[in-house]
């Protein structure tokens, strides 16, 4: 969670609980059969174990998936939410992608080699993580975003290629109590690309509480 050290240093009056989700950071790498709801359950169990009954959640990319679901299913726990270049919204699919998927399904039925269909991210994963990866990316959270009742700040990099800007606009549409802030000339790690602007937005958002 080193990426968020600057955020912690900017708000020394706040208590931060930073989580390295398995298999990231220093957490366990040997996991099998996990899905996004496993991570959500882990966060809820940790809060219960520590006696935490209200949190301000900050989630970047994958962490945003967890934050969206938490905001929908545990509204009492999530006091407010900050989503940074969050994943989870159903992506737009081109005709080329749909044709490739049809070809993939045909090859799979015929028992042919499927290596050419996998993404670089997928191929780089250890074997035990591939089912988890597939499970998570195929779980779309549009309806959970619509069910969220938490006050939410959505911060996005204008040039984000991993979770494109249209996803931010959909989140803004789905989450009733949300506002969207777009950081110019920033990518998927907009909070690192434009730290001063990001900290100012967070400060204002938390002060409004």
N, C-alpha and C. Protein backbone atom coordinates (compact mmCIF):
# COMPACT_ATOMS: atom_id res chain seq x y z
N UNK A 1 0.81 -1.20 0.00
CA UNK A 1 0.00 0.00 0.00
C UNK A 1 0.85 1.26 0.00
N UNK A 2 2.10 1.14 -0.46
CA UNK A 2 3.01 2.28 -0.46
C UNK A 2 2.47 3.45 -1.28
N UNK A 3 1.67 3.14 -2.32
CA UNK A 3 1.14 4.20 -3.18
C UNK A 3 0.29 5.20 -2.41
N UNK A 4 -0.28 4.77 -1.28
CA UNK A 4 -1.16 5.65 -0.51
C UNK A 4 -0.46 6.30 0.68
N UNK A 5 0.85 6.14 0.79
CA UNK A 5 1.57 6.74 1.91
C UNK A 5 1.44 8.26 1.90
N UNK A 6 1.46 8.86 0.70
CA UNK A 6 1.33 10.32 0.62
C UNK A 6 -0.02 10.78 1.14
N UNK A 7 -1.07 10.00 0.85
CA UNK A 7 -2.40 10.37 1.33
C UNK A 7 -2.43 10.36 2.85
N UNK A 8 -1.84 9.35 3.44
CA UNK A 8 -1.80 9.27 4.90
C UNK A 8 -1.03 10.45 5.50
N UNK A 9 0.07 10.82 4.87
CA UNK A 9 0.89 11.91 5.40
C UNK A 9 0.18 13.26 5.29
N UNK A 10 -0.74 13.39 4.34
CA UNK A 10 -1.47 14.64 4.17
C UNK A 10 -2.57 14.83 5.20
N UNK A 11 -3.00 13.73 5.81
CA UNK A 11 -4.10 13.80 6.78
C UNK A 11 -3.71 13.08 8.07
N UNK A 12 -2.72 13.62 8.80
CA UNK A 12 -2.21 12.93 9.99
C UNK A 12 -3.25 12.82 11.11
N UNK A 13 -4.30 13.64 11.05
CA UNK A 13 -5.33 13.58 12.09
C UNK A 13 -6.27 12.40 11.93
N UNK A 14 -6.18 11.72 10.78
CA UNK A 14 -7.06 10.59 10.51
C UNK A 14 -6.33 9.27 10.74
N UNK A 15 -7.09 8.26 11.12
CA UNK A 15 -6.55 6.91 11.28
C UNK A 15 -6.80 6.13 10.00
N UNK A 16 -5.74 5.61 9.40
CA UNK A 16 -5.85 4.87 8.14
C UNK A 16 -5.62 3.38 8.39
N UNK A 17 -6.44 2.58 7.73
CA UNK A 17 -6.26 1.13 7.72
C UNK A 17 -6.05 0.74 6.26
N UNK A 18 -4.80 0.47 5.88
CA UNK A 18 -4.47 0.15 4.50
C UNK A 18 -4.36 -1.36 4.35
N UNK A 19 -5.03 -1.89 3.33
CA UNK A 19 -5.10 -3.34 3.14
C UNK A 19 -4.41 -3.75 1.85
N UNK A 20 -3.49 -4.69 1.94
CA UNK A 20 -2.93 -5.35 0.75
C UNK A 20 -3.81 -6.57 0.47
N UNK A 21 -4.65 -6.48 -0.54
CA UNK A 21 -5.49 -7.62 -0.88
C UNK A 21 -4.64 -8.75 -1.45
N UNK A 22 -4.88 -9.98 -1.04
CA UNK A 22 -4.20 -11.12 -1.67
C UNK A 22 -4.51 -11.16 -3.17
N UNK A 23 -3.52 -11.34 -4.02
CA UNK A 23 -2.12 -11.68 -3.77
C UNK A 23 -1.20 -10.47 -3.91
N UNK A 24 -1.71 -9.25 -3.68
CA UNK A 24 -0.92 -8.04 -3.88
C UNK A 24 -0.06 -7.72 -2.66
N UNK A 25 0.95 -6.89 -2.90
CA UNK A 25 1.79 -6.40 -1.80
C UNK A 25 2.42 -7.52 -1.00
N UNK A 26 2.30 -7.45 0.30
CA UNK A 26 2.93 -8.41 1.20
C UNK A 26 1.96 -9.50 1.68
N UNK A 27 0.78 -9.55 1.08
CA UNK A 27 -0.22 -10.52 1.53
C UNK A 27 0.03 -11.88 0.89
N UNK A 28 -0.78 -12.85 1.32
CA UNK A 28 -0.62 -14.24 0.87
C UNK A 28 -0.80 -14.35 -0.64
N UNK A 29 0.09 -15.07 -1.29
CA UNK A 29 0.01 -15.26 -2.75
C UNK A 29 -0.70 -16.56 -3.12
N UNK A 30 -0.87 -17.43 -2.16
CA UNK A 30 -1.41 -18.76 -2.44
C UNK A 30 -2.91 -18.79 -2.18
N UNK A 31 -3.68 -18.24 -3.12
CA UNK A 31 -5.13 -18.24 -2.98
C UNK A 31 -5.75 -18.94 -4.18
N UNK A 32 -6.88 -19.57 -3.96
CA UNK A 32 -7.56 -20.29 -5.03
C UNK A 32 -9.06 -20.09 -4.92
N UNK A 33 -9.70 -19.91 -6.07
CA UNK A 33 -11.15 -19.87 -6.12
C UNK A 33 -11.78 -18.63 -5.53
N UNK A 34 -11.01 -17.55 -5.36
CA UNK A 34 -11.58 -16.34 -4.81
C UNK A 34 -12.37 -15.60 -5.87
N UNK A 35 -13.36 -14.82 -5.43
CA UNK A 35 -14.09 -13.91 -6.28
C UNK A 35 -14.15 -12.56 -5.60
N UNK A 36 -14.76 -11.58 -6.24
CA UNK A 36 -14.78 -10.24 -5.66
C UNK A 36 -15.50 -10.22 -4.32
N UNK A 37 -16.50 -11.09 -4.14
CA UNK A 37 -17.25 -11.09 -2.89
C UNK A 37 -16.44 -11.70 -1.74
N UNK A 38 -15.42 -12.48 -2.07
CA UNK A 38 -14.50 -12.97 -1.04
C UNK A 38 -13.75 -11.79 -0.42
N UNK A 39 -13.31 -10.87 -1.27
CA UNK A 39 -12.60 -9.69 -0.78
C UNK A 39 -13.51 -8.78 0.03
N UNK A 40 -14.74 -8.63 -0.43
CA UNK A 40 -15.71 -7.81 0.31
C UNK A 40 -15.94 -8.42 1.70
N UNK A 41 -16.13 -9.74 1.75
CA UNK A 41 -16.32 -10.41 3.03
C UNK A 41 -15.12 -10.27 3.94
N UNK A 42 -13.92 -10.26 3.35
CA UNK A 42 -12.71 -10.12 4.13
C UNK A 42 -12.67 -8.75 4.81
N UNK A 43 -13.05 -7.70 4.07
CA UNK A 43 -13.05 -6.35 4.63
C UNK A 43 -14.09 -6.23 5.75
N UNK A 44 -15.28 -6.78 5.52
CA UNK A 44 -16.33 -6.71 6.54
C UNK A 44 -15.90 -7.46 7.80
N UNK A 45 -15.28 -8.62 7.62
CA UNK A 45 -14.82 -9.41 8.78
C UNK A 45 -13.73 -8.69 9.54
N UNK A 46 -12.82 -8.03 8.81
CA UNK A 46 -11.73 -7.28 9.45
C UNK A 46 -12.29 -6.12 10.27
N UNK A 47 -13.25 -5.40 9.71
CA UNK A 47 -13.86 -4.28 10.44
C UNK A 47 -14.56 -4.78 11.70
N UNK A 48 -15.25 -5.89 11.58
CA UNK A 48 -15.94 -6.46 12.74
C UNK A 48 -14.94 -6.89 13.80
N UNK A 49 -13.84 -7.52 13.36
CA UNK A 49 -12.80 -7.98 14.29
C UNK A 49 -12.17 -6.81 15.04
N UNK A 50 -12.00 -5.68 14.35
CA UNK A 50 -11.36 -4.51 14.96
C UNK A 50 -12.35 -3.59 15.66
N UNK A 51 -13.62 -3.94 15.61
CA UNK A 51 -14.63 -3.11 16.26
C UNK A 51 -14.91 -1.81 15.53
N UNK A 52 -14.72 -1.80 14.22
CA UNK A 52 -14.95 -0.60 13.41
C UNK A 52 -16.38 -0.65 12.87
N UNK A 53 -17.17 0.39 13.18
CA UNK A 53 -18.56 0.38 12.72
C UNK A 53 -18.87 1.47 11.70
N UNK A 54 -17.86 2.31 11.37
CA UNK A 54 -18.07 3.33 10.35
C UNK A 54 -16.72 3.69 9.73
N UNK A 55 -16.66 3.71 8.40
CA UNK A 55 -15.39 3.99 7.72
C UNK A 55 -15.63 4.93 6.53
N UNK A 56 -14.58 5.67 6.20
CA UNK A 56 -14.52 6.41 4.95
C UNK A 56 -13.64 5.59 4.02
N UNK A 57 -14.23 5.00 3.00
CA UNK A 57 -13.53 4.06 2.13
C UNK A 57 -12.87 4.80 0.98
N UNK A 58 -11.60 4.44 0.69
CA UNK A 58 -10.89 4.94 -0.48
C UNK A 58 -10.46 3.72 -1.29
N UNK A 59 -10.91 3.64 -2.54
CA UNK A 59 -10.57 2.48 -3.36
C UNK A 59 -10.09 2.89 -4.74
N UNK A 60 -8.92 2.38 -5.12
CA UNK A 60 -8.37 2.64 -6.45
C UNK A 60 -8.44 1.38 -7.30
N UNK A 61 -8.92 1.50 -8.52
CA UNK A 61 -8.94 0.41 -9.49
C UNK A 61 -9.65 -0.82 -8.92
N UNK A 62 -8.92 -1.89 -8.66
CA UNK A 62 -9.52 -3.10 -8.08
C UNK A 62 -10.19 -2.79 -6.74
N UNK A 63 -9.53 -1.96 -5.92
CA UNK A 63 -10.11 -1.60 -4.63
C UNK A 63 -11.44 -0.90 -4.78
N UNK A 64 -11.63 -0.21 -5.91
CA UNK A 64 -12.91 0.44 -6.17
C UNK A 64 -14.03 -0.56 -6.31
N UNK A 65 -13.73 -1.74 -6.86
CA UNK A 65 -14.75 -2.80 -6.95
C UNK A 65 -15.28 -3.14 -5.56
N UNK A 66 -14.36 -3.34 -4.64
CA UNK A 66 -14.74 -3.69 -3.27
C UNK A 66 -15.54 -2.55 -2.64
N UNK A 67 -15.09 -1.32 -2.87
CA UNK A 67 -15.76 -0.16 -2.28
C UNK A 67 -17.19 -0.01 -2.79
N UNK A 68 -17.40 -0.25 -4.09
CA UNK A 68 -18.74 -0.14 -4.67
C UNK A 68 -19.70 -1.13 -4.02
N UNK A 69 -19.26 -2.38 -3.88
CA UNK A 69 -20.13 -3.40 -3.29
C UNK A 69 -20.39 -3.09 -1.81
N UNK A 70 -19.35 -2.71 -1.09
CA UNK A 70 -19.53 -2.35 0.32
C UNK A 70 -20.56 -1.24 0.48
N UNK A 71 -20.49 -0.24 -0.38
CA UNK A 71 -21.40 0.90 -0.30
C UNK A 71 -22.84 0.48 -0.56
N UNK A 72 -23.02 -0.61 -1.30
CA UNK A 72 -24.36 -1.09 -1.62
C UNK A 72 -24.92 -2.03 -0.56
N UNK A 73 -24.06 -2.92 -0.05
CA UNK A 73 -24.58 -3.97 0.85
C UNK A 73 -24.37 -3.65 2.32
N UNK A 74 -23.48 -2.72 2.65
CA UNK A 74 -23.24 -2.32 4.05
C UNK A 74 -23.24 -0.80 4.15
N UNK A 75 -24.37 -0.20 3.83
CA UNK A 75 -24.47 1.27 3.85
C UNK A 75 -24.13 1.85 5.22
N UNK A 76 -24.52 1.14 6.28
CA UNK A 76 -24.26 1.65 7.63
C UNK A 76 -22.77 1.69 7.95
N UNK A 77 -22.01 0.81 7.32
CA UNK A 77 -20.56 0.76 7.57
C UNK A 77 -19.83 1.86 6.80
N UNK A 78 -20.26 2.12 5.56
CA UNK A 78 -19.55 3.07 4.70
C UNK A 78 -20.11 4.47 4.89
N UNK A 79 -19.38 5.29 5.64
CA UNK A 79 -19.80 6.67 5.91
C UNK A 79 -19.68 7.52 4.66
N UNK A 80 -18.58 7.34 3.93
CA UNK A 80 -18.39 8.01 2.64
C UNK A 80 -17.43 7.17 1.81
N UNK A 81 -17.35 7.49 0.53
CA UNK A 81 -16.57 6.65 -0.37
C UNK A 81 -15.85 7.52 -1.40
N UNK A 82 -14.59 7.21 -1.64
CA UNK A 82 -13.82 7.85 -2.71
C UNK A 82 -13.39 6.76 -3.68
N UNK A 83 -13.84 6.88 -4.92
CA UNK A 83 -13.50 5.93 -5.98
C UNK A 83 -12.50 6.58 -6.92
N UNK A 84 -11.33 5.95 -7.07
CA UNK A 84 -10.26 6.50 -7.91
C UNK A 84 -10.03 5.56 -9.08
N UNK A 85 -10.34 6.03 -10.29
CA UNK A 85 -10.13 5.21 -11.50
C UNK A 85 -10.61 3.78 -11.24
N UNK A 86 -11.83 3.67 -10.75
CA UNK A 86 -12.35 2.39 -10.27
C UNK A 86 -12.71 1.44 -11.41
N UNK A 87 -12.42 0.17 -11.19
CA UNK A 87 -12.90 -0.88 -12.09
C UNK A 87 -14.28 -1.33 -11.63
N UNK A 88 -14.93 -2.17 -12.45
CA UNK A 88 -16.20 -2.76 -12.05
C UNK A 88 -17.37 -2.50 -12.97
N UNK A 89 -17.30 -1.39 -13.74
CA UNK A 89 -18.40 -1.08 -14.65
C UNK A 89 -18.28 -1.95 -15.91
N UNK A 90 -19.41 -2.45 -16.38
CA UNK A 90 -19.41 -3.29 -17.58
C UNK A 90 -18.82 -2.52 -18.75
N UNK A 91 -17.78 -3.06 -19.39
CA UNK A 91 -17.13 -2.33 -20.48
C UNK A 91 -17.92 -2.37 -21.78
N UNK A 92 -17.68 -1.37 -22.60
CA UNK A 92 -18.24 -1.39 -23.95
C UNK A 92 -17.48 -2.44 -24.76
N UNK A 93 -18.20 -3.19 -25.57
CA UNK A 93 -17.56 -4.23 -26.37
C UNK A 93 -17.77 -3.96 -27.86
N UNK A 94 -16.67 -3.96 -28.59
CA UNK A 94 -16.71 -3.72 -30.03
C UNK A 94 -17.16 -4.99 -30.77
N UNK A 95 -17.51 -4.81 -32.05
CA UNK A 95 -17.85 -5.96 -32.88
C UNK A 95 -16.67 -6.91 -32.99
N UNK A 96 -15.47 -6.36 -33.08
CA UNK A 96 -14.26 -7.18 -33.16
C UNK A 96 -14.12 -8.06 -31.93
N UNK A 97 -14.41 -7.50 -30.76
CA UNK A 97 -14.32 -8.27 -29.51
C UNK A 97 -15.36 -9.40 -29.51
N UNK A 98 -16.59 -9.09 -29.94
CA UNK A 98 -17.65 -10.10 -29.94
C UNK A 98 -17.32 -11.25 -30.88
N UNK A 99 -16.77 -10.91 -32.05
CA UNK A 99 -16.38 -11.96 -33.01
C UNK A 99 -15.27 -12.83 -32.44
N UNK A 100 -14.33 -12.19 -31.73
CA UNK A 100 -13.23 -12.92 -31.11
C UNK A 100 -13.75 -13.87 -30.03
N UNK A 101 -14.77 -13.43 -29.29
CA UNK A 101 -15.34 -14.28 -28.25
C UNK A 101 -16.04 -15.49 -28.86
N UNK A 102 -16.74 -15.29 -29.97
CA UNK A 102 -17.39 -16.41 -30.66
C UNK A 102 -16.33 -17.42 -31.12
N UNK A 103 -15.24 -16.90 -31.68
CA UNK A 103 -14.16 -17.76 -32.14
C UNK A 103 -13.53 -18.52 -30.97
N UNK A 104 -13.38 -17.83 -29.85
CA UNK A 104 -12.82 -18.45 -28.63
C UNK A 104 -13.69 -19.63 -28.19
N UNK A 105 -15.01 -19.41 -28.14
CA UNK A 105 -15.91 -20.47 -27.69
C UNK A 105 -15.87 -21.67 -28.63
N UNK A 106 -15.74 -21.41 -29.94
CA UNK A 106 -15.63 -22.51 -30.91
C UNK A 106 -14.34 -23.29 -30.70
N UNK A 107 -13.23 -22.57 -30.53
CA UNK A 107 -11.94 -23.23 -30.30
C UNK A 107 -11.96 -24.05 -29.02
N UNK A 108 -12.63 -23.50 -27.99
CA UNK A 108 -12.70 -24.20 -26.70
C UNK A 108 -13.46 -25.51 -26.84
N UNK A 109 -14.57 -25.50 -27.57
CA UNK A 109 -15.35 -26.72 -27.79
C UNK A 109 -14.58 -27.75 -28.60
N UNK A 110 -13.72 -27.25 -29.51
CA UNK A 110 -12.95 -28.14 -30.37
C UNK A 110 -11.65 -28.61 -29.72
N UNK A 111 -11.36 -28.08 -28.54
CA UNK A 111 -10.15 -28.48 -27.83
C UNK A 111 -8.87 -27.90 -28.40
N UNK A 112 -8.98 -26.77 -29.12
CA UNK A 112 -7.79 -26.16 -29.71
C UNK A 112 -7.07 -25.27 -28.70
N UNK A 113 -5.85 -24.89 -29.06
CA UNK A 113 -5.03 -24.02 -28.21
C UNK A 113 -5.67 -22.64 -28.09
N UNK A 114 -5.83 -22.16 -26.85
CA UNK A 114 -6.49 -20.87 -26.61
C UNK A 114 -5.51 -19.77 -26.23
N UNK A 115 -4.22 -20.04 -26.35
CA UNK A 115 -3.18 -19.10 -25.90
C UNK A 115 -3.33 -17.72 -26.54
N UNK A 116 -3.66 -17.68 -27.81
CA UNK A 116 -3.73 -16.40 -28.51
C UNK A 116 -4.89 -15.52 -28.11
N UNK A 117 -5.82 -16.05 -27.34
CA UNK A 117 -7.00 -15.28 -26.94
C UNK A 117 -6.82 -14.58 -25.59
N UNK A 118 -5.84 -14.99 -24.82
CA UNK A 118 -5.67 -14.46 -23.46
C UNK A 118 -4.93 -13.13 -23.48
N UNK A 119 -5.30 -12.24 -22.52
CA UNK A 119 -4.62 -10.95 -22.40
C UNK A 119 -3.26 -11.14 -21.76
N UNK A 120 -2.41 -10.13 -21.92
CA UNK A 120 -1.07 -10.18 -21.32
C UNK A 120 -1.16 -10.27 -19.80
N UNK A 121 -2.13 -9.54 -19.21
CA UNK A 121 -2.31 -9.58 -17.75
C UNK A 121 -2.65 -10.99 -17.29
N UNK A 122 -3.53 -11.63 -18.03
CA UNK A 122 -3.96 -12.99 -17.68
C UNK A 122 -2.80 -13.97 -17.78
N UNK A 123 -2.05 -13.89 -18.88
CA UNK A 123 -0.93 -14.81 -19.09
C UNK A 123 0.17 -14.66 -18.05
N UNK A 124 0.30 -13.43 -17.51
CA UNK A 124 1.36 -13.17 -16.53
C UNK A 124 1.02 -13.71 -15.14
N UNK A 125 -0.23 -14.07 -14.93
CA UNK A 125 -0.66 -14.55 -13.61
C UNK A 125 -0.18 -15.97 -13.34
N UNK A 126 0.09 -16.30 -12.06
CA UNK A 126 0.33 -17.70 -11.71
C UNK A 126 -0.96 -18.50 -11.93
N UNK A 127 -0.83 -19.78 -12.14
CA UNK A 127 -1.96 -20.62 -12.52
C UNK A 127 -3.10 -20.55 -11.50
N UNK A 128 -2.75 -20.50 -10.21
CA UNK A 128 -3.80 -20.51 -9.18
C UNK A 128 -4.62 -19.23 -9.15
N UNK A 129 -4.08 -18.13 -9.77
CA UNK A 129 -4.78 -16.86 -9.76
C UNK A 129 -5.68 -16.66 -10.97
N UNK A 130 -5.53 -17.47 -12.01
CA UNK A 130 -6.28 -17.25 -13.23
C UNK A 130 -7.80 -17.40 -13.04
N UNK A 131 -8.28 -18.40 -12.31
CA UNK A 131 -9.74 -18.46 -12.07
C UNK A 131 -10.25 -17.24 -11.31
N UNK A 132 -9.47 -16.75 -10.35
CA UNK A 132 -9.86 -15.56 -9.59
C UNK A 132 -9.96 -14.35 -10.51
N UNK A 133 -8.95 -14.18 -11.36
CA UNK A 133 -8.93 -13.05 -12.31
C UNK A 133 -10.17 -13.09 -13.21
N UNK A 134 -10.46 -14.26 -13.78
CA UNK A 134 -11.61 -14.40 -14.67
C UNK A 134 -12.91 -14.12 -13.94
N UNK A 135 -13.03 -14.64 -12.74
CA UNK A 135 -14.24 -14.44 -11.94
C UNK A 135 -14.48 -12.95 -11.69
N UNK A 136 -13.43 -12.24 -11.35
CA UNK A 136 -13.57 -10.83 -10.98
C UNK A 136 -13.90 -9.96 -12.19
N UNK A 137 -13.16 -10.11 -13.28
CA UNK A 137 -13.39 -9.22 -14.43
C UNK A 137 -14.74 -9.50 -15.10
N UNK A 138 -15.29 -10.68 -14.88
CA UNK A 138 -16.59 -11.00 -15.48
C UNK A 138 -17.76 -10.66 -14.55
N UNK A 139 -17.46 -10.12 -13.36
CA UNK A 139 -18.50 -9.69 -12.44
C UNK A 139 -18.67 -8.18 -12.57
N UNK A 140 -19.75 -7.75 -13.19
CA UNK A 140 -19.99 -6.33 -13.42
C UNK A 140 -20.84 -5.76 -12.29
N UNK A 141 -20.52 -4.54 -11.89
CA UNK A 141 -21.10 -3.98 -10.66
C UNK A 141 -22.06 -2.83 -10.93
N UNK A 142 -22.59 -2.73 -12.13
CA UNK A 142 -23.50 -1.63 -12.45
C UNK A 142 -24.65 -1.55 -11.46
N UNK A 143 -25.28 -2.68 -11.17
CA UNK A 143 -26.44 -2.68 -10.27
C UNK A 143 -26.05 -2.36 -8.83
N UNK A 144 -24.85 -2.75 -8.42
CA UNK A 144 -24.39 -2.39 -7.08
C UNK A 144 -24.15 -0.89 -6.98
N UNK A 145 -23.60 -0.30 -8.04
CA UNK A 145 -23.41 1.15 -8.04
C UNK A 145 -24.76 1.87 -7.91
N UNK A 146 -25.76 1.35 -8.60
CA UNK A 146 -27.10 1.95 -8.53
C UNK A 146 -27.70 1.82 -7.13
N UNK A 147 -27.30 0.79 -6.40
CA UNK A 147 -27.84 0.55 -5.06
C UNK A 147 -27.07 1.30 -3.97
N UNK A 148 -25.94 1.90 -4.33
CA UNK A 148 -25.13 2.61 -3.34
C UNK A 148 -25.86 3.82 -2.81
N UNK A 149 -25.78 4.01 -1.51
CA UNK A 149 -26.43 5.18 -0.89
C UNK A 149 -25.41 6.03 -0.14
N UNK A 150 -24.13 5.78 -0.39
CA UNK A 150 -23.07 6.51 0.31
C UNK A 150 -22.69 7.77 -0.45
N UNK A 151 -22.35 8.80 0.28
CA UNK A 151 -21.83 10.02 -0.34
C UNK A 151 -20.49 9.68 -0.98
N UNK A 152 -20.36 9.94 -2.29
CA UNK A 152 -19.22 9.41 -3.04
C UNK A 152 -18.54 10.47 -3.89
N UNK A 153 -17.21 10.49 -3.79
CA UNK A 153 -16.38 11.32 -4.67
C UNK A 153 -15.72 10.40 -5.68
N UNK A 154 -15.91 10.68 -6.96
CA UNK A 154 -15.31 9.90 -8.04
C UNK A 154 -14.20 10.74 -8.66
N UNK A 155 -12.97 10.26 -8.59
CA UNK A 155 -11.83 10.99 -9.15
C UNK A 155 -11.21 10.15 -10.26
N UNK A 156 -10.98 10.78 -11.43
CA UNK A 156 -10.56 10.01 -12.60
C UNK A 156 -9.48 10.74 -13.38
N UNK A 157 -8.58 9.97 -13.94
CA UNK A 157 -7.58 10.52 -14.84
C UNK A 157 -8.16 10.69 -16.24
N UNK A 158 -8.00 11.85 -16.79
CA UNK A 158 -8.55 12.15 -18.12
C UNK A 158 -8.08 11.16 -19.17
N UNK A 159 -6.83 10.71 -19.04
CA UNK A 159 -6.23 9.84 -20.05
C UNK A 159 -6.15 8.38 -19.61
N UNK A 160 -6.97 7.99 -18.67
CA UNK A 160 -6.96 6.61 -18.18
C UNK A 160 -7.31 5.66 -19.32
N UNK A 161 -6.42 4.72 -19.60
CA UNK A 161 -6.64 3.73 -20.65
C UNK A 161 -7.13 2.39 -20.10
N UNK A 162 -6.88 2.13 -18.83
CA UNK A 162 -7.29 0.85 -18.22
C UNK A 162 -8.76 0.86 -17.83
N UNK A 163 -9.20 1.93 -17.23
CA UNK A 163 -10.63 2.12 -16.94
C UNK A 163 -11.00 3.46 -17.58
N UNK A 164 -11.44 3.44 -18.83
CA UNK A 164 -11.66 4.68 -19.59
C UNK A 164 -12.68 5.62 -18.95
N UNK A 165 -12.62 6.87 -19.37
CA UNK A 165 -13.42 7.92 -18.76
C UNK A 165 -14.92 7.66 -18.83
N UNK A 166 -15.38 6.95 -19.84
CA UNK A 166 -16.82 6.69 -19.91
C UNK A 166 -17.31 5.89 -18.70
N UNK A 167 -16.42 5.09 -18.10
CA UNK A 167 -16.80 4.34 -16.91
C UNK A 167 -17.05 5.28 -15.73
N UNK A 168 -16.25 6.34 -15.63
CA UNK A 168 -16.45 7.33 -14.57
C UNK A 168 -17.80 8.01 -14.73
N UNK A 169 -18.14 8.34 -15.96
CA UNK A 169 -19.41 9.03 -16.22
C UNK A 169 -20.60 8.12 -15.91
N UNK A 170 -20.45 6.83 -16.16
CA UNK A 170 -21.51 5.89 -15.82
C UNK A 170 -21.66 5.78 -14.31
N UNK A 171 -20.53 5.72 -13.60
CA UNK A 171 -20.59 5.67 -12.14
C UNK A 171 -21.30 6.90 -11.59
N UNK A 172 -20.97 8.06 -12.15
CA UNK A 172 -21.62 9.30 -11.70
C UNK A 172 -23.13 9.22 -11.93
N UNK A 173 -23.55 8.64 -13.04
CA UNK A 173 -24.97 8.49 -13.34
C UNK A 173 -25.64 7.50 -12.39
N UNK A 174 -24.94 6.41 -12.06
CA UNK A 174 -25.54 5.35 -11.26
C UNK A 174 -25.61 5.69 -9.77
N UNK A 175 -24.54 6.29 -9.22
CA UNK A 175 -24.48 6.54 -7.78
C UNK A 175 -25.17 7.87 -7.47
N UNK A 176 -26.25 7.82 -6.74
CA UNK A 176 -27.10 9.00 -6.53
C UNK A 176 -26.36 10.15 -5.85
N UNK A 177 -25.64 9.83 -4.79
CA UNK A 177 -24.99 10.88 -3.99
C UNK A 177 -23.52 11.03 -4.40
N UNK A 178 -23.27 11.23 -5.67
CA UNK A 178 -21.88 11.28 -6.14
C UNK A 178 -21.59 12.53 -6.94
N UNK A 179 -20.30 12.84 -6.99
CA UNK A 179 -19.84 13.88 -7.91
C UNK A 179 -18.54 13.40 -8.54
N UNK A 180 -18.30 13.85 -9.75
CA UNK A 180 -17.15 13.40 -10.53
C UNK A 180 -16.17 14.54 -10.72
N UNK A 181 -14.90 14.25 -10.45
CA UNK A 181 -13.82 15.21 -10.69
C UNK A 181 -12.81 14.55 -11.63
N UNK A 182 -12.51 15.21 -12.74
CA UNK A 182 -11.60 14.66 -13.75
C UNK A 182 -10.29 15.43 -13.69
N UNK A 183 -9.17 14.71 -13.55
CA UNK A 183 -7.86 15.34 -13.48
C UNK A 183 -7.21 15.32 -14.86
N UNK A 184 -6.92 16.51 -15.38
CA UNK A 184 -6.34 16.65 -16.71
C UNK A 184 -4.92 16.08 -16.76
N UNK A 185 -4.58 15.51 -17.90
CA UNK A 185 -3.23 14.97 -18.15
C UNK A 185 -2.83 13.89 -17.15
N UNK A 186 -3.81 13.19 -16.63
CA UNK A 186 -3.54 12.10 -15.68
C UNK A 186 -4.04 10.79 -16.25
N UNK A 187 -3.40 9.68 -15.81
CA UNK A 187 -3.76 8.36 -16.28
C UNK A 187 -4.47 7.56 -15.21
N UNK A 188 -4.22 6.25 -15.22
CA UNK A 188 -4.93 5.34 -14.32
C UNK A 188 -4.54 5.55 -12.86
N UNK A 189 -3.35 6.08 -12.62
CA UNK A 189 -2.93 6.42 -11.25
C UNK A 189 -2.97 7.93 -11.09
N UNK A 190 -4.16 8.49 -11.25
CA UNK A 190 -4.29 9.95 -11.26
C UNK A 190 -3.86 10.58 -9.94
N UNK A 191 -4.01 9.85 -8.84
CA UNK A 191 -3.62 10.41 -7.53
C UNK A 191 -2.11 10.54 -7.40
N UNK A 192 -1.35 9.79 -8.20
CA UNK A 192 0.11 9.94 -8.24
C UNK A 192 0.53 10.93 -9.32
N UNK A 193 -0.23 10.98 -10.42
CA UNK A 193 0.09 11.90 -11.51
C UNK A 193 -0.17 13.36 -11.12
N UNK A 194 -1.24 13.59 -10.35
CA UNK A 194 -1.62 14.96 -9.96
C UNK A 194 -1.91 15.00 -8.46
N UNK A 195 -0.89 14.79 -7.63
CA UNK A 195 -1.14 14.65 -6.19
C UNK A 195 -1.73 15.89 -5.53
N UNK A 196 -1.28 17.08 -5.90
CA UNK A 196 -1.78 18.28 -5.23
C UNK A 196 -3.26 18.49 -5.51
N UNK A 197 -3.66 18.31 -6.78
CA UNK A 197 -5.08 18.44 -7.11
C UNK A 197 -5.90 17.38 -6.41
N UNK A 198 -5.36 16.17 -6.36
CA UNK A 198 -6.07 15.06 -5.72
C UNK A 198 -6.26 15.32 -4.23
N UNK A 199 -5.20 15.72 -3.54
CA UNK A 199 -5.31 15.98 -2.10
C UNK A 199 -6.30 17.09 -1.81
N UNK A 200 -6.32 18.12 -2.66
CA UNK A 200 -7.25 19.24 -2.47
C UNK A 200 -8.70 18.76 -2.59
N UNK A 201 -8.96 17.89 -3.54
CA UNK A 201 -10.31 17.35 -3.72
C UNK A 201 -10.74 16.50 -2.52
N UNK A 202 -9.82 15.67 -2.04
CA UNK A 202 -10.12 14.81 -0.89
C UNK A 202 -10.36 15.66 0.36
N UNK A 203 -9.52 16.66 0.56
CA UNK A 203 -9.65 17.54 1.72
C UNK A 203 -11.02 18.23 1.73
N UNK A 204 -11.40 18.77 0.58
CA UNK A 204 -12.69 19.44 0.48
C UNK A 204 -13.84 18.47 0.73
N UNK A 205 -13.73 17.28 0.16
CA UNK A 205 -14.78 16.27 0.31
C UNK A 205 -14.95 15.86 1.77
N UNK A 206 -13.84 15.60 2.46
CA UNK A 206 -13.93 15.19 3.86
C UNK A 206 -14.37 16.34 4.76
N UNK A 207 -13.99 17.57 4.43
CA UNK A 207 -14.41 18.71 5.24
C UNK A 207 -15.90 18.97 5.13
N UNK A 208 -16.49 18.59 4.02
CA UNK A 208 -17.93 18.78 3.81
C UNK A 208 -18.76 17.87 4.70
N UNK A 209 -18.15 16.87 5.30
CA UNK A 209 -18.87 15.95 6.17
C UNK A 209 -19.41 16.68 7.40
